[in-house]
Amino acid sequence: MKIDTLIFSGGGTKCLSFYGSLKYLFEHNIINDKLENINKIICVSGGLLYILPLLLVNVGLLSNVSVAY
């Protein structure tokens, strides 16, 4: 399966469950840890507030941001 777009919906604190989904995708090499095969990341509401910063820190695009979770 080739994934080239990530879509994160809203939903308040439920959006934190998206991080577990991403972790699974990384651990099983479905997407690589630098998101090289991802063309688009679409975030709405809580997906933007919770997941996008964590995702960008994970791949090193926001290196000067500290995240505690």
C-alpha atoms as a PDB file:
ATOM      1  CA  MET A   1       0.000   0.000   0.000  1.00  0.00           C
ATOM      2  CA  LYS A   2       1.370   3.409  -0.949  1.00  0.00           C
ATOM      3  CA  ILE A   3       0.315   6.339   1.215  1.00  0.00           C
ATOM      4  CA  ASP A   4       1.024   9.808  -0.165  1.00  0.00           C
ATOM      5  CA  THR A   5      -1.480  11.945   1.794  1.00  0.00           C
ATOM      6  CA  LEU A   6      -2.159  12.195   5.536  1.00  0.00           C
ATOM      7  CA  ILE A   7      -5.531  13.603   6.661  1.00  0.00           C
ATOM      8  CA  PHE A   8      -6.257  14.465  10.283  1.00  0.00           C
ATOM      9  CA  SER A   9      -9.782  15.468  11.279  1.00  0.00           C
ATOM     10  CA  GLY A  10     -10.930  17.491  14.232  1.00  0.00           C
ATOM     11  CA  GLY A  11     -12.274  16.054  17.455  1.00  0.00           C
ATOM     12  CA  GLY A  12     -10.578  17.749  20.384  1.00  0.00           C
ATOM     13  CA  THR A  13      -8.437  15.566  22.598  1.00  0.00           C
ATOM     14  CA  LYS A  14      -9.432  12.463  20.593  1.00  0.00           C
ATOM     15  CA  CYS A  15      -6.945  13.744  18.024  1.00  0.00           C
ATOM     16  CA  LEU A  16      -4.134  12.496  20.244  1.00  0.00           C
ATOM     17  CA  SER A  17      -5.065   8.982  19.134  1.00  0.00           C
ATOM     18  CA  PHE A  18      -3.801   9.950  15.673  1.00  0.00           C
ATOM     19  CA  TYR A  19      -0.284   9.985  17.100  1.00  0.00           C
ATOM     20  CA  GLY A  20      -0.608   6.278  17.947  1.00  0.00           C
ATOM     21  CA  SER A  21      -1.740   5.607  14.402  1.00  0.00           C
ATOM     22  CA  LEU A  22       1.273   7.457  13.028  1.00  0.00           C
ATOM     23  CA  LYS A  23       3.576   5.548  15.356  1.00  0.00           C
ATOM     24  CA  TYR A  24       2.192   2.283  13.960  1.00  0.00           C
ATOM     25  CA  LEU A  25       2.744   3.471  10.385  1.00  0.00           C
ATOM     26  CA  PHE A  26       6.351   4.430  11.201  1.00  0.00           C
ATOM     27  CA  GLU A  27       7.147   1.217  13.116  1.00  0.00           C
ATOM     28  CA  HIS A  28       5.809  -1.015  10.326  1.00  0.00           C
ATOM     29  CA  ASN A  29       7.585   0.982   7.583  1.00  0.00           C
ATOM     30  CA  ILE A  30       4.329   1.899   5.879  1.00  0.00           C
ATOM     31  CA  ILE A  31       5.565   5.499   5.829  1.00  0.00           C
ATOM     32  CA  ASN A  32       9.169   6.427   6.480  1.00  0.00           C
ATOM     33  CA  ASP A  33      10.228   8.554   9.431  1.00  0.00           C
ATOM     34  CA  LYS A  34      11.155  11.577   7.275  1.00  0.00           C
ATOM     35  CA  LEU A  35       7.838  11.569   5.380  1.00  0.00           C
ATOM     36  CA  GLU A  36       9.671  11.417   2.050  1.00  0.00           C
ATOM     37  CA  ASN A  37       6.753   9.697   0.303  1.00  0.00           C
ATOM     38  CA  ILE A  38       4.100  12.075   1.712  1.00  0.00           C
ATOM     39  CA  ASN A  39       2.968  14.785  -0.717  1.00  0.00           C
ATOM     40  CA  LYS A  40       0.211  16.393   1.387  1.00  0.00           C
ATOM     41  CA  ILE A  41      -0.700  16.698   5.053  1.00  0.00           C
ATOM     42  CA  ILE A  42      -4.243  17.959   5.599  1.00  0.00           C
ATOM     43  CA  CYS A  43      -5.254  18.940   9.147  1.00  0.00           C
ATOM     44  CA  VAL A  44      -8.510  20.345  10.478  1.00  0.00           C
ATOM     45  CA  SER A  45      -9.145  21.794  13.924  1.00  0.00           C
ATOM     46  CA  GLY A  46      -7.672  19.493  16.606  1.00  0.00           C
ATOM     47  CA  GLY A  47      -5.623  17.636  14.010  1.00  0.00           C
ATOM     48  CA  LEU A  48      -3.805  20.878  13.314  1.00  0.00           C
ATOM     49  CA  LEU A  49      -3.370  21.828  16.963  1.00  0.00           C
ATOM     50  CA  TYR A  50      -2.252  18.455  18.327  1.00  0.00           C
ATOM     51  CA  ILE A  51      -0.799  16.332  15.558  1.00  0.00           C
ATOM     52  CA  LEU A  52       0.896  18.613  13.047  1.00  0.00           C
ATOM     53  CA  PRO A  53       3.414  20.067  15.565  1.00  0.00           C
ATOM     54  CA  LEU A  54       4.212  16.588  16.944  1.00  0.00           C
ATOM     55  CA  LEU A  55       4.649  15.240  13.428  1.00  0.00           C
ATOM     56  CA  LEU A  56       6.927  18.086  12.350  1.00  0.00           C
ATOM     57  CA  VAL A  57       9.062  17.757  15.492  1.00  0.00           C
ATOM     58  CA  ASN A  58       9.333  14.005  14.861  1.00  0.00           C
ATOM     59  CA  VAL A  59      10.722  14.495  11.358  1.00  0.00           C
ATOM     60  CA  GLY A  60      13.017  17.330  12.440  1.00  0.00           C
ATOM     61  CA  LEU A  61      11.282  20.204  10.677  1.00  0.00           C
ATOM     62  CA  LEU A  62      10.658  22.016  13.970  1.00  0.00           C
ATOM     63  CA  SER A  63      13.913  21.344  15.759  1.00  0.00           C
ATOM     64  CA  ASN A  64      13.769  24.280  18.159  1.00  0.00           C
ATOM     65  CA  VAL A  65      10.392  23.287  19.645  1.00  0.00           C
ATOM     66  CA  SER A  66      10.184  21.117  22.726  1.00  0.00           C
ATOM     67  CA  VAL A  67       7.197  18.843  23.165  1.00  0.00           C
ATOM     68  CA  ALA A  68       6.225  17.025  26.349  1.00  0.00           C
ATOM     69  CA  TYR A  69       3.716  14.196  26.170  1.00  0.00           C
END
